[in-house]
C-alpha atoms as a PDB file:
ATOM      1  CA  MET A   1      11.972   7.778 -35.574  1.00  0.00           C
ATOM      2  CA  THR A   2      10.451   6.667 -32.280  1.00  0.00           C
ATOM      3  CA  ALA A   3       6.690   6.709 -31.881  1.00  0.00           C
ATOM      4  CA  PRO A   4       5.452   9.023 -29.132  1.00  0.00           C
ATOM      5  CA  ALA A   5       4.441   7.387 -25.878  1.00  0.00           C
ATOM      6  CA  PRO A   6       0.707   6.998 -25.393  1.00  0.00           C
ATOM      7  CA  PRO A   7      -0.808   9.642 -23.132  1.00  0.00           C
ATOM      8  CA  ALA A   8      -1.048   8.824 -19.433  1.00  0.00           C
ATOM      9  CA  PRO A   9      -4.550   7.821 -18.341  1.00  0.00           C
ATOM     10  CA  SER A  10      -6.669  10.440 -16.630  1.00  0.00           C
ATOM     11  CA  THR A  11      -7.158  10.163 -12.881  1.00  0.00           C
ATOM     12  CA  ALA A  12     -10.660   8.771 -13.463  1.00  0.00           C
ATOM     13  CA  GLU A  13      -9.384   6.177 -15.963  1.00  0.00           C
ATOM     14  CA  LEU A  14      -6.574   5.147 -13.624  1.00  0.00           C
ATOM     15  CA  ALA A  15      -8.975   4.864 -10.688  1.00  0.00           C
ATOM     16  CA  GLY A  16     -11.272   2.671 -12.797  1.00  0.00           C
ATOM     17  CA  ARG A  17      -8.411   0.338 -13.709  1.00  0.00           C
ATOM     18  CA  ILE A  18      -7.309   0.148 -10.077  1.00  0.00           C
ATOM     19  CA  ALA A  19     -10.892  -0.614  -9.006  1.00  0.00           C
ATOM     20  CA  GLU A  20     -11.101  -3.493 -11.511  1.00  0.00           C
ATOM     21  CA  ARG A  21      -7.865  -4.991 -10.215  1.00  0.00           C
ATOM     22  CA  ALA A  22      -8.898  -4.632  -6.566  1.00  0.00           C
ATOM     23  CA  ARG A  23     -12.330  -6.195  -7.152  1.00  0.00           C
ATOM     24  CA  ALA A  24     -10.694  -9.207  -8.816  1.00  0.00           C
ATOM     25  CA  VAL A  25      -8.690 -10.105  -5.687  1.00  0.00           C
ATOM     26  CA  THR A  26      -9.877 -13.224  -3.878  1.00  0.00           C
ATOM     27  CA  GLY A  27     -11.619 -12.243  -0.661  1.00  0.00           C
ATOM     28  CA  VAL A  28     -12.692  -8.769  -1.782  1.00  0.00           C
ATOM     29  CA  VAL A  29     -16.475  -8.440  -1.670  1.00  0.00           C
ATOM     30  CA  ARG A  30     -16.732  -4.823  -2.767  1.00  0.00           C
ATOM     31  CA  LEU A  31     -15.090  -1.420  -2.727  1.00  0.00           C
ATOM     32  CA  THR A  32     -16.329   1.179  -0.245  1.00  0.00           C
ATOM     33  CA  ALA A  33     -15.780   4.882   0.314  1.00  0.00           C
ATOM     34  CA  GLY A  34     -15.299   4.121   4.009  1.00  0.00           C
ATOM     35  CA  PRO A  35     -17.174   5.366   7.068  1.00  0.00           C
ATOM     36  CA  ARG A  36     -16.556   9.042   6.283  1.00  0.00           C
ATOM     37  CA  GLY A  37     -16.819   8.730   2.513  1.00  0.00           C
ATOM     38  CA  GLU A  38     -13.238   9.869   1.997  1.00  0.00           C
ATOM     39  CA  VAL A  39     -11.993   7.191  -0.387  1.00  0.00           C
ATOM     40  CA  VAL A  40     -13.624   8.194  -3.645  1.00  0.00           C
ATOM     41  CA  THR A  41     -12.726   9.409  -7.112  1.00  0.00           C
ATOM     42  CA  TYR A  42     -14.990  12.010  -8.651  1.00  0.00           C
ATOM     43  CA  ARG A  43     -15.504  11.673 -12.368  1.00  0.00           C
ATOM     44  CA  PRO A  44     -18.168  12.351 -14.976  1.00  0.00           C
ATOM     45  CA  GLY A  45     -21.210  10.337 -13.982  1.00  0.00           C
ATOM     46  CA  PRO A  46     -21.356   8.643 -10.605  1.00  0.00           C
ATOM     47  CA  PRO A  47     -18.372   8.884  -8.248  1.00  0.00           C
ATOM     48  CA  LEU A  48     -16.176   5.801  -7.885  1.00  0.00           C
ATOM     49  CA  PRO A  49     -16.160   4.709  -4.231  1.00  0.00           C
ATOM     50  CA  GLY A  50     -13.225   2.806  -2.830  1.00  0.00           C
ATOM     51  CA  VAL A  51     -10.360   4.303  -4.834  1.00  0.00           C
ATOM     52  CA  ALA A  52      -8.695   7.673  -4.320  1.00  0.00           C
ATOM     53  CA  VAL A  53      -5.801   8.600  -6.604  1.00  0.00           C
ATOM     54  CA  ARG A  54      -3.622  11.431  -5.308  1.00  0.00           C
ATOM     55  CA  ALA A  55      -0.372  12.894  -6.596  1.00  0.00           C
ATOM     56  CA  ASP A  56       1.719  10.849  -4.145  1.00  0.00           C
ATOM     57  CA  GLU A  57      -0.555   7.979  -3.105  1.00  0.00           C
ATOM     58  CA  VAL A  58      -3.380   5.642  -4.021  1.00  0.00           C
ATOM     59  CA  ARG A  59      -5.909   4.580  -1.387  1.00  0.00           C
ATOM     60  CA  VAL A  60      -8.054   1.508  -1.885  1.00  0.00           C
ATOM     61  CA  SER A  61     -10.829   0.772   0.622  1.00  0.00           C
ATOM     62  CA  VAL A  62     -12.433  -2.660   0.597  1.00  0.00           C
ATOM     63  CA  VAL A  63     -14.918  -4.903   2.363  1.00  0.00           C
ATOM     64  CA  VAL A  64     -13.496  -8.415   2.630  1.00  0.00           C
ATOM     65  CA  LEU A  65     -14.570 -11.937   3.478  1.00  0.00           C
ATOM     66  CA  PRO A  66     -13.727 -13.031   7.026  1.00  0.00           C
ATOM     67  CA  ASP A  67     -12.522 -16.500   5.966  1.00  0.00           C
ATOM     68  CA  ARG A  68      -8.992 -15.316   5.179  1.00  0.00           C
ATOM     69  CA  PRO A  69      -6.560 -13.239   7.259  1.00  0.00           C
ATOM     70  CA  VAL A  70      -7.244  -9.602   6.396  1.00  0.00           C
ATOM     71  CA  THR A  71      -3.523  -8.855   6.147  1.00  0.00           C
ATOM     72  CA  GLU A  72      -3.231 -11.433   3.351  1.00  0.00           C
ATOM     73  CA  THR A  73      -6.140  -9.876   1.479  1.00  0.00           C
ATOM     74  CA  ALA A  74      -4.694  -6.385   1.955  1.00  0.00           C
ATOM     75  CA  GLU A  75      -1.310  -7.514   0.623  1.00  0.00           C
ATOM     76  CA  ALA A  76      -2.979  -9.195  -2.356  1.00  0.00           C
ATOM     77  CA  VAL A  77      -4.864  -5.980  -3.171  1.00  0.00           C
ATOM     78  CA  ARG A  78      -1.665  -3.954  -2.838  1.00  0.00           C
ATOM     79  CA  ALA A  79       0.224  -6.352  -5.121  1.00  0.00           C
ATOM     80  CA  ALA A  80      -2.576  -6.266  -7.704  1.00  0.00           C
ATOM     81  CA  VAL A  81      -2.816  -2.472  -7.938  1.00  0.00           C
ATOM     82  CA  ALA A  82       0.814  -1.438  -7.347  1.00  0.00           C
ATOM     83  CA  PRO A  83       1.863  -1.880 -11.004  1.00  0.00           C
ATOM     84  CA  LEU A  84      -0.776   0.701 -11.974  1.00  0.00           C
ATOM     85  CA  ALA A  85       0.186   3.185  -9.234  1.00  0.00           C
ATOM     86  CA  GLY A  86       3.566   4.090 -10.671  1.00  0.00           C
ATOM     87  CA  GLU A  87       5.681   5.847  -8.039  1.00  0.00           C
ATOM     88  CA  ARG A  88       2.699   6.430  -5.753  1.00  0.00           C
ATOM     89  CA  ALA A  89       2.477   4.670  -2.392  1.00  0.00           C
ATOM     90  CA  VAL A  90      -0.445   2.223  -2.202  1.00  0.00           C
ATOM     91  CA  HIS A  91      -2.496   2.179   0.996  1.00  0.00           C
ATOM     92  CA  VAL A  92      -5.126  -0.528   1.426  1.00  0.00           C
ATOM     93  CA  ILE A  93      -7.868   0.016   3.975  1.00  0.00           C
ATOM     94  CA  ILE A  94      -9.891  -2.945   5.207  1.00  0.00           C
ATOM     95  CA  ALA A  95     -13.034  -0.945   5.948  1.00  0.00           C
ATOM     96  CA  ASP A  96     -15.241  -3.836   7.027  1.00  0.00           C
ATOM     97  CA  LEU A  97     -15.724  -7.580   7.081  1.00  0.00           C
ATOM     98  CA  ALA A  98     -18.591  -8.948   5.044  1.00  0.00           C
ATOM     99  CA  ASP A  99     -21.340 -10.754   6.905  1.00  0.00           C
ATOM    100  CA  PRO A 100     -20.783 -14.463   6.178  1.00  0.00           C
ATOM    101  CA  VAL A 101     -24.537 -15.107   6.098  1.00  0.00           C
ATOM    102  CA  GLU A 102     -24.969 -12.340   3.543  1.00  0.00           C
ATOM    103  CA  THR A 103     -22.173 -13.609   1.314  1.00  0.00           C
ATOM    104  CA  THR A 104     -23.143 -17.293   1.510  1.00  0.00           C
ATOM    105  CA  ALA A 105     -26.789 -16.596   0.758  1.00  0.00           C
ATOM    106  CA  GLY A 106     -25.680 -16.470  -2.850  1.00  0.00           C
ATOM    107  CA  ASP A 107     -22.888 -14.935  -4.820  1.00  0.00           C
ATOM    108  CA  ALA A 108     -25.383 -12.353  -6.050  1.00  0.00           C
ATOM    109  CA  VAL A 109     -24.605 -10.115  -3.076  1.00  0.00           C
ATOM    110  CA  GLY A 110     -20.884  -9.945  -3.764  1.00  0.00           C
ATOM    111  CA  ASP A 111     -21.305  -9.930  -7.527  1.00  0.00           C
ATOM    112  CA  ALA A 112     -23.915  -7.164  -7.512  1.00  0.00           C
ATOM    113  CA  ALA A 113     -21.573  -4.926  -5.558  1.00  0.00           C
ATOM    114  CA  ARG A 114     -18.700  -5.489  -7.957  1.00  0.00           C
END
């Protein structure tokens, strides 16, 4: 007899896993809901900014370091989260570039936002 497949993660759980993967990408400083606050997952407790899981797509919105081409960072984020997205399209939004002075003043800025 075959064991039943484990249940699929909830939208909030999936968004949390995607957020962890996106934050781990080199060049990503933090996740952001974007200028209009549209990229967010609502869940018990505080909302999760920077990841929106929909039936047909996943959106990930990030602030990145300016020392690397943003297209490379976007592709790295997409590659990191795509295995979790299943059949959903993955859209990566580079919402802003981090201020180099802010990020070199100490890793505490980037780390605190993670």
